[in-house]
Each structure stands twice: as C-alpha cells, then as structure tokens.
C-alpha atoms as a PDB file:
ATOM      1  CA  MET A   1     -57.430 -11.564 -38.846  1.00  0.00           C
ATOM      2  CA  SER A   2     -55.628 -10.477 -35.749  1.00  0.00           C
ATOM      3  CA  ARG A   3     -51.960 -10.357 -34.850  1.00  0.00           C
ATOM      4  CA  ASP A   4     -50.530 -13.167 -32.698  1.00  0.00           C
ATOM      5  CA  GLU A   5     -48.445 -11.313 -30.118  1.00  0.00           C
ATOM      6  CA  ARG A   6     -45.983 -14.222 -29.706  1.00  0.00           C
ATOM      7  CA  SER A   7     -45.154 -14.823 -33.356  1.00  0.00           C
ATOM      8  CA  GLY A   8     -46.073 -11.433 -34.832  1.00  0.00           C
ATOM      9  CA  THR A   9     -48.103 -13.129 -37.580  1.00  0.00           C
ATOM     10  CA  GLU A  10     -51.719 -12.634 -38.559  1.00  0.00           C
ATOM     11  CA  GLN A  11     -54.099 -15.240 -37.109  1.00  0.00           C
ATOM     12  CA  PRO A  12     -57.338 -16.062 -38.949  1.00  0.00           C
ATOM     13  CA  ILE A  13     -60.826 -16.165 -37.491  1.00  0.00           C
ATOM     14  CA  GLU A  14     -61.470 -19.856 -36.778  1.00  0.00           C
ATOM     15  CA  ILE A  15     -65.206 -19.658 -36.125  1.00  0.00           C
ATOM     16  CA  ARG A  16     -67.533 -17.361 -38.038  1.00  0.00           C
ATOM     17  CA  PHE A  17     -71.320 -17.436 -37.907  1.00  0.00           C
ATOM     18  CA  SER A  18     -73.401 -14.946 -39.836  1.00  0.00           C
ATOM     19  CA  ALA A  19     -77.070 -14.587 -40.599  1.00  0.00           C
ATOM     20  CA  LYS A  20     -79.261 -12.227 -42.582  1.00  0.00           C
ATOM     21  CA  VAL A  21     -82.938 -11.821 -41.750  1.00  0.00           C
ATOM     22  CA  LYS A  22     -85.574  -9.805 -43.602  1.00  0.00           C
ATOM     23  CA  ALA A  23     -89.165  -9.129 -42.583  1.00  0.00           C
ATOM     24  CA  ASP A  24     -91.996  -7.123 -44.084  1.00  0.00           C
ATOM     25  CA  GLU A  25     -93.308  -6.502 -40.558  1.00  0.00           C
ATOM     26  CA  LEU A  26     -91.927  -7.248 -37.104  1.00  0.00           C
ATOM     27  CA  ARG A  27     -93.662  -6.607 -33.785  1.00  0.00           C
ATOM     28  CA  PHE A  28     -92.665  -7.435 -30.206  1.00  0.00           C
ATOM     29  CA  ASN A  29     -95.316  -7.968 -27.539  1.00  0.00           C
ATOM     30  CA  THR A  30     -92.472  -8.120 -25.024  1.00  0.00           C
ATOM     31  CA  ALA A  31     -89.162  -6.447 -25.735  1.00  0.00           C
ATOM     32  CA  PRO A  32     -86.470  -9.159 -25.753  1.00  0.00           C
ATOM     33  CA  GLU A  33     -83.389  -9.128 -23.557  1.00  0.00           C
ATOM     34  CA  ASN A  34     -80.402 -10.617 -25.327  1.00  0.00           C
ATOM     35  CA  ARG A  35     -76.657 -10.848 -25.023  1.00  0.00           C
ATOM     36  CA  VAL A  36     -73.742 -12.885 -26.269  1.00  0.00           C
ATOM     37  CA  VAL A  37     -71.180 -14.135 -23.762  1.00  0.00           C
ATOM     38  CA  PHE A  38     -67.850 -15.650 -24.759  1.00  0.00           C
ATOM     39  CA  THR A  39     -66.180 -17.795 -22.125  1.00  0.00           C
ATOM     40  CA  GLY A  40     -62.685 -19.113 -21.597  1.00  0.00           C
ATOM     41  CA  ASP A  41     -59.660 -18.018 -23.571  1.00  0.00           C
ATOM     42  CA  ALA A  42     -61.701 -17.267 -26.708  1.00  0.00           C
ATOM     43  CA  ALA A  43     -63.353 -14.293 -25.011  1.00  0.00           C
ATOM     44  CA  VAL A  44     -60.404 -11.943 -25.618  1.00  0.00           C
ATOM     45  CA  GLU A  45     -60.333 -12.448 -29.391  1.00  0.00           C
ATOM     46  CA  SER A  46     -64.082 -12.774 -30.055  1.00  0.00           C
ATOM     47  CA  THR A  47     -66.713 -10.326 -31.200  1.00  0.00           C
ATOM     48  CA  SER A  48     -70.351 -10.118 -32.221  1.00  0.00           C
ATOM     49  CA  GLY A  49     -72.603  -7.446 -33.609  1.00  0.00           C
ATOM     50  CA  SER A  50     -75.346  -6.502 -35.995  1.00  0.00           C
ATOM     51  CA  THR A  51     -76.288  -3.919 -38.547  1.00  0.00           C
ATOM     52  CA  ARG A  52     -79.975  -3.137 -38.769  1.00  0.00           C
ATOM     53  CA  THR A  53     -82.263  -1.414 -41.213  1.00  0.00           C
ATOM     54  CA  ASN A  54     -85.531   0.046 -39.869  1.00  0.00           C
ATOM     55  CA  LEU A  55     -85.026  -1.562 -36.457  1.00  0.00           C
ATOM     56  CA  PRO A  56     -83.519   0.264 -33.467  1.00  0.00           C
ATOM     57  CA  ASP A  57     -80.979  -1.387 -31.144  1.00  0.00           C
ATOM     58  CA  GLU A  58     -83.593  -1.315 -28.381  1.00  0.00           C
ATOM     59  CA  VAL A  59     -87.027  -2.189 -29.739  1.00  0.00           C
ATOM     60  CA  GLU A  60     -90.266  -0.990 -28.192  1.00  0.00           C
ATOM     61  CA  GLU A  61     -93.148  -3.209 -27.201  1.00  0.00           C
ATOM     62  CA  HIS A  62     -96.304  -3.107 -29.367  1.00  0.00           C
ATOM     63  CA  VAL A  63     -94.608  -1.133 -32.152  1.00  0.00           C
ATOM     64  CA  THR A  64     -94.725  -2.528 -35.691  1.00  0.00           C
ATOM     65  CA  TYR A  65     -91.457  -2.156 -37.584  1.00  0.00           C
ATOM     66  CA  ARG A  66     -91.649  -2.410 -41.373  1.00  0.00           C
ATOM     67  CA  ASP A  67     -89.157  -3.445 -44.058  1.00  0.00           C
ATOM     68  CA  VAL A  68     -86.718  -4.751 -41.458  1.00  0.00           C
ATOM     69  CA  GLU A  69     -83.331  -6.215 -42.284  1.00  0.00           C
ATOM     70  CA  ILE A  70     -80.751  -7.519 -39.816  1.00  0.00           C
ATOM     71  CA  HIS A  71     -77.208  -8.723 -40.544  1.00  0.00           C
ATOM     72  CA  TYR A  72     -75.705 -10.481 -37.516  1.00  0.00           C
ATOM     73  CA  ALA A  73     -72.226 -11.956 -37.083  1.00  0.00           C
ATOM     74  CA  ILE A  74     -70.218 -13.761 -34.424  1.00  0.00           C
ATOM     75  CA  GLU A  75     -66.478 -14.288 -34.873  1.00  0.00           C
ATOM     76  CA  ALA A  76     -64.102 -16.166 -32.585  1.00  0.00           C
ATOM     77  CA  LYS A  77     -60.492 -17.205 -32.547  1.00  0.00           C
ATOM     78  CA  LEU A  78     -59.458 -20.331 -30.707  1.00  0.00           C
ATOM     79  CA  PRO A  79     -56.559 -20.177 -28.285  1.00  0.00           C
ATOM     80  CA  ARG A  80     -53.271 -21.656 -29.484  1.00  0.00           C
ATOM     81  CA  ILE A  81     -52.220 -24.858 -27.743  1.00  0.00           C
ATOM     82  CA  ASP A  82     -48.472 -25.415 -27.545  1.00  0.00           C
ATOM     83  CA  GLY A  83     -47.456 -28.352 -29.738  1.00  0.00           C
ATOM     84  CA  PHE A  84     -50.718 -28.382 -31.724  1.00  0.00           C
ATOM     85  CA  SER A  85     -50.583 -26.934 -35.221  1.00  0.00           C
ATOM     86  CA  GLY A  86     -54.352 -26.769 -35.739  1.00  0.00           C
ATOM     87  CA  ASP A  87     -53.948 -28.931 -38.831  1.00  0.00           C
ATOM     88  CA  PRO A  88     -56.257 -31.993 -38.475  1.00  0.00           C
ATOM     89  CA  ALA A  89     -53.963 -33.973 -40.817  1.00  0.00           C
ATOM     90  CA  ARG A  90     -51.131 -33.797 -38.251  1.00  0.00           C
END
C-alpha cells in the first residue's frame, strides 16, 4: 500500500503480477537485454524487481547456471479518477 497524498489514506496495489521460475540448468547463448517500462500516470506508483538464487543480475553468455530460482514481481497502482470510486458495482 501507499499513501494517497490528497486523502492521507493508504491506497492498495491494484495490479500485481508475480512469477516463480526454477531450473536445474540455465544457459544463455546470447545475454538478454530486458527492461520494464511503465507509462502514463501509473509510472509514479509502480515497481518491478526480482530476487535470484544462483543467477547474477547480468548473466554471461555460454555460462551454465545450476539450481536457479527467480522470483519476479510487478506492482502498479492505477491513477484516481475524480468521481469514480473504483467499485464496479457503482
């Protein structure tokens, strides 16, 4: 949760995606380039990141990594729209 500056109340994460991947062996012939980009108003309140076991943040080409585990998460908050409560029943 984060604090809504206008109301002073805690605002929940509206979008959360998480994944867990395990591999006995992992090898990259070409080191990947990756990034996450948040656009629009959600960018300010959004985050992503991973925790890794036996895998560096920057992998090397033609290196075999063993007993790899990756936990990855993306979290975003949607911007408030005046007059909209966020409740689909309303």
